[in-house]
């Protein structure tokens, strides 16, 4: 039996792999990462039936420490709960505005930081820190790996949604304890984030915060150390 050829130095693919992704696919993957945005401006059009369930199914393919799959998805359809989340956001956002440096406060006040009113779909993500799945593998010295695993599920949903022309926004200006109480989830679930999902009003490769003058994306050499 002939030996499989070894990949040549500098090659981007492994010829011995049973799964091959060609340059066209890799280009599309880069496009997907480029066009993924934290969306705050949504159209009110409802999403097709079953969209959330399909995205959650894909999210379960995300990597997790010890194959623990600790992510827990809570769909928020109830109007009263949405209103309570909106009120909590307003309170936390007002506190955040007061905490801004004077030279940035006016810019902060002009930013649109959530699409809670327009987005047709809302859901929250939690990490179940008490899960027995995975039998504790990989988290004895770093128990926070459970939380990081749930974040990989979030990113998977973000990319999968973008591939379907759907935008997602992460609402992080919330009180985690209040959200846990409002959504009536177990106390040992760690709140990861609250998300809005829907069709964006417009698409752009430049992050909205960069367009607004809040911050600029840094090139990769800035964050690499050797």
Protein backbone atom coordinates (compact mmCIF):
# COMPACT_ATOMS: atom_id res chain seq x y z
CA UNK A 1 0.00 0.00 0.00
CA UNK A 2 1.50 3.33 -1.06
CA UNK A 3 2.17 5.87 1.64
CA UNK A 4 0.08 9.00 1.60
CA UNK A 5 2.01 12.09 0.50
CA UNK A 6 2.95 14.54 3.22
CA UNK A 7 1.67 18.11 2.88
CA UNK A 8 4.27 20.44 1.41
CA UNK A 9 5.57 23.37 3.49
CA UNK A 10 3.40 26.40 2.99
CA UNK A 11 0.39 24.44 1.73
CA UNK A 12 -2.98 25.56 3.09
CA UNK A 13 -4.54 22.10 2.79
CA UNK A 14 -3.66 18.52 3.63
CA UNK A 15 -3.90 16.21 0.58
CA UNK A 16 -4.33 13.21 2.89
CA UNK A 17 -7.52 14.63 4.43
CA UNK A 18 -10.82 13.00 3.39
CA UNK A 19 -12.43 16.48 3.46
CA UNK A 20 -11.12 19.17 1.12
CA UNK A 21 -12.10 22.82 0.99
CA UNK A 22 -11.00 24.48 -2.21
CA UNK A 23 -9.74 28.07 -2.63
CA UNK A 24 -13.21 29.21 -3.69
CA UNK A 25 -14.69 27.97 -0.41
CA UNK A 26 -11.89 29.59 1.59
CA UNK A 27 -12.57 32.87 -0.16
CA UNK A 28 -16.26 32.61 0.70
CA UNK A 29 -15.36 31.85 4.31
CA UNK A 30 -13.30 35.04 4.45
CA UNK A 31 -16.26 36.93 2.98
CA UNK A 32 -18.51 35.48 5.68
CA UNK A 33 -16.15 36.62 8.43
CA UNK A 34 -15.78 40.05 6.81
CA UNK A 35 -19.52 40.69 6.41
CA UNK A 36 -20.50 39.41 9.86
CA UNK A 37 -21.51 42.44 11.88
CA UNK A 38 -22.93 43.25 15.31
CA UNK A 39 -26.30 44.44 14.03
CA UNK A 40 -28.35 47.07 15.89
CA UNK A 41 -30.61 48.26 13.06
CA UNK A 42 -33.12 45.58 12.06
CA UNK A 43 -36.06 45.33 9.73
CA UNK A 44 -39.22 44.17 11.45
CA UNK A 45 -39.87 41.35 8.95
CA UNK A 46 -40.41 38.05 10.77
CA UNK A 47 -37.92 35.25 10.28
CA UNK A 48 -39.03 32.05 8.50
CA UNK A 49 -40.54 29.41 10.76
CA UNK A 50 -37.91 27.14 12.30
CA UNK A 51 -35.01 29.58 11.82
CA UNK A 52 -33.99 29.68 15.47
CA UNK A 53 -34.17 25.91 15.78
CA UNK A 54 -31.93 25.48 12.72
CA UNK A 55 -29.39 27.94 14.09
CA UNK A 56 -29.36 26.27 17.51
CA UNK A 57 -28.82 22.91 15.82
CA UNK A 58 -25.74 24.28 14.06
CA UNK A 59 -24.55 25.87 17.32
CA UNK A 60 -24.45 22.41 18.87
CA UNK A 61 -21.62 21.60 16.45
CA UNK A 62 -19.43 24.20 18.16
CA UNK A 63 -16.37 23.05 20.12
CA UNK A 64 -16.73 22.63 23.87
CA UNK A 65 -14.40 21.60 26.66
CA UNK A 66 -14.67 17.86 27.32
CA UNK A 67 -17.57 17.71 24.83
CA UNK A 68 -19.65 19.21 27.63
CA UNK A 69 -21.95 21.28 25.37
CA UNK A 70 -22.87 23.59 28.28
CA UNK A 71 -24.79 26.14 26.19
CA UNK A 72 -28.42 26.72 27.05
CA UNK A 73 -30.65 28.78 24.73
CA UNK A 74 -33.66 30.67 26.09
CA UNK A 75 -36.02 32.05 23.43
CA UNK A 76 -37.72 35.27 24.59
CA UNK A 77 -41.07 35.73 22.84
CA UNK A 78 -43.11 37.00 25.78
CA UNK A 79 -43.82 40.75 25.47
CA UNK A 80 -43.64 41.37 29.20
CA UNK A 81 -40.22 39.77 29.43
CA UNK A 82 -38.98 41.73 26.44
CA UNK A 83 -40.24 44.94 28.01
CA UNK A 84 -38.46 44.10 31.26
CA UNK A 85 -35.23 43.44 29.36
CA UNK A 86 -35.66 46.76 27.55
CA UNK A 87 -36.15 48.59 30.86
CA UNK A 88 -33.05 46.95 32.31
CA UNK A 89 -31.04 47.97 29.26
CA UNK A 90 -32.18 51.59 29.62
CA UNK A 91 -31.11 51.63 33.28
CA UNK A 92 -27.71 50.07 32.62
CA UNK A 93 -27.12 52.25 29.58
CA UNK A 94 -27.83 55.39 31.60
CA UNK A 95 -25.30 54.27 34.20
CA UNK A 96 -22.76 53.54 31.47
CA UNK A 97 -23.26 57.01 30.00
CA UNK A 98 -22.51 58.64 33.35
CA UNK A 99 -19.31 56.59 33.58
CA UNK A 100 -17.96 57.84 30.24
CA UNK A 101 -15.13 60.34 30.07
CA UNK A 102 -16.50 63.83 29.34
CA UNK A 103 -14.87 63.97 25.90
CA UNK A 104 -16.61 60.73 24.85
CA UNK A 105 -19.97 61.07 26.59
CA UNK A 106 -21.70 62.94 23.76
CA UNK A 107 -20.53 60.37 21.21
CA UNK A 108 -21.66 57.51 23.45
CA UNK A 109 -25.10 59.09 23.80
CA UNK A 110 -25.50 59.12 20.00
CA UNK A 111 -24.62 55.45 19.54
CA UNK A 112 -27.37 52.93 18.85
CA UNK A 113 -26.40 50.10 21.15
CA UNK A 114 -29.30 47.68 20.83
CA UNK A 115 -32.01 46.60 18.40
CA UNK A 116 -34.43 45.46 21.08
CA UNK A 117 -37.42 47.31 19.65
CA UNK A 118 -37.10 46.25 16.02
CA UNK A 119 -35.58 42.75 16.01
CA UNK A 120 -38.22 40.03 15.46
CA UNK A 121 -36.35 37.39 17.47
CA UNK A 122 -34.75 37.58 20.92
CA UNK A 123 -32.86 34.88 22.79
CA UNK A 124 -30.42 34.56 25.65
CA UNK A 125 -27.48 32.21 26.04
CA UNK A 126 -26.40 30.72 29.34
CA UNK A 127 -23.64 28.30 30.34
CA UNK A 128 -24.69 25.43 32.60
CA UNK A 129 -21.76 25.30 35.00
CA UNK A 130 -23.15 22.25 36.81
CA UNK A 131 -23.50 20.05 33.74
CA UNK A 132 -22.27 16.50 34.21
CA UNK A 133 -21.73 16.05 30.49
CA UNK A 134 -18.02 15.85 29.75
CA UNK A 135 -17.28 14.49 33.25
CA UNK A 136 -15.22 17.57 34.12
CA UNK A 137 -12.61 16.92 31.45
CA UNK A 138 -10.43 19.95 30.77
CA UNK A 139 -11.89 22.27 33.39
CA UNK A 140 -10.38 21.28 36.73
CA UNK A 141 -7.76 24.02 36.53
CA UNK A 142 -9.81 26.31 34.25
CA UNK A 143 -13.50 26.00 35.19
CA UNK A 144 -14.19 29.12 33.09
CA UNK A 145 -13.76 26.90 30.02
CA UNK A 146 -17.47 26.12 30.42
CA UNK A 147 -18.26 29.79 29.77
CA UNK A 148 -15.82 29.98 26.86
CA UNK A 149 -17.46 26.93 25.33
CA UNK A 150 -20.84 28.65 25.36
CA UNK A 151 -19.25 31.64 23.62
CA UNK A 152 -18.10 29.38 20.76
CA UNK A 153 -21.76 28.44 20.27
CA UNK A 154 -22.64 32.14 20.07
CA UNK A 155 -20.03 32.74 17.38
CA UNK A 156 -21.26 29.73 15.45
CA UNK A 157 -24.81 31.13 15.44
CA UNK A 158 -23.47 34.52 14.38
CA UNK A 159 -21.74 33.07 11.32
CA UNK A 160 -24.56 30.70 10.43
CA UNK A 161 -27.11 33.52 10.63
CA UNK A 162 -24.97 35.76 8.42
CA UNK A 163 -24.74 32.94 5.85
CA UNK A 164 -28.56 33.12 5.62
CA UNK A 165 -28.59 36.92 5.30
CA UNK A 166 -29.68 37.31 8.93
CA UNK A 167 -28.03 39.74 11.33
CA UNK A 168 -27.38 39.28 15.04
CA UNK A 169 -26.72 41.83 17.74
CA UNK A 170 -25.18 41.19 21.16
CA UNK A 171 -26.81 43.26 23.91
CA UNK A 172 -24.19 43.35 26.66
CA UNK A 173 -25.41 46.45 28.52
CA UNK A 174 -27.54 44.46 30.96
CA UNK A 175 -27.44 43.35 34.59
CA UNK A 176 -26.69 39.59 34.47
CA UNK A 177 -28.43 38.85 37.78
CA UNK A 178 -31.54 40.73 36.69
CA UNK A 179 -31.66 38.86 33.37
CA UNK A 180 -31.29 35.52 35.12
CA UNK A 181 -34.21 36.41 37.38
CA UNK A 182 -36.35 37.83 34.57
CA UNK A 183 -35.94 34.72 32.43
CA UNK A 184 -36.50 32.39 35.40
CA UNK A 185 -33.53 30.12 34.73
CA UNK A 186 -31.56 28.08 37.29
CA UNK A 187 -29.24 30.20 39.44
CA UNK A 188 -26.22 28.08 38.54
CA UNK A 189 -26.56 29.00 34.86
CA UNK A 190 -24.02 31.67 33.94
CA UNK A 191 -25.43 34.46 31.79
CA UNK A 192 -23.39 34.78 28.59
CA UNK A 193 -25.40 37.24 26.54
CA UNK A 194 -28.71 38.49 25.21
CA UNK A 195 -29.15 38.56 21.44
CA UNK A 196 -31.38 40.16 18.83
CA UNK A 197 -31.85 38.43 15.50
CA UNK A 198 -33.40 39.64 12.26
CA UNK A 199 -32.75 40.97 8.78
CA UNK A 200 -30.45 44.02 8.89
CA UNK A 201 -31.60 47.32 7.46
CA UNK A 202 -28.28 47.57 5.61
CA UNK A 203 -25.09 45.56 5.21
CA UNK A 204 -21.56 46.90 5.55
CA UNK A 205 -18.07 45.42 5.92
CA UNK A 206 -17.09 48.21 8.33
CA UNK A 207 -18.25 47.82 11.95
CA UNK A 208 -20.86 50.38 12.96
CA UNK A 209 -18.74 51.57 15.89
CA UNK A 210 -15.91 52.31 13.48
CA UNK A 211 -18.23 54.18 11.14
CA UNK A 212 -19.47 56.21 14.12
CA UNK A 213 -15.91 57.11 15.14
CA UNK A 214 -15.90 55.19 18.43
CA UNK A 215 -13.01 52.84 17.65
CA UNK A 216 -10.99 51.37 14.77
CA UNK A 217 -10.29 47.74 13.96
CA UNK A 218 -6.62 46.92 14.43
CA UNK A 219 -4.62 44.86 11.88
CA UNK A 220 -3.42 41.42 12.96
CA UNK A 221 0.30 42.35 13.47
CA UNK A 222 -0.74 44.59 16.37
CA UNK A 223 -1.99 41.61 18.40
CA UNK A 224 0.72 39.06 17.53
CA UNK A 225 3.74 38.48 19.74
CA UNK A 226 6.71 36.29 18.92
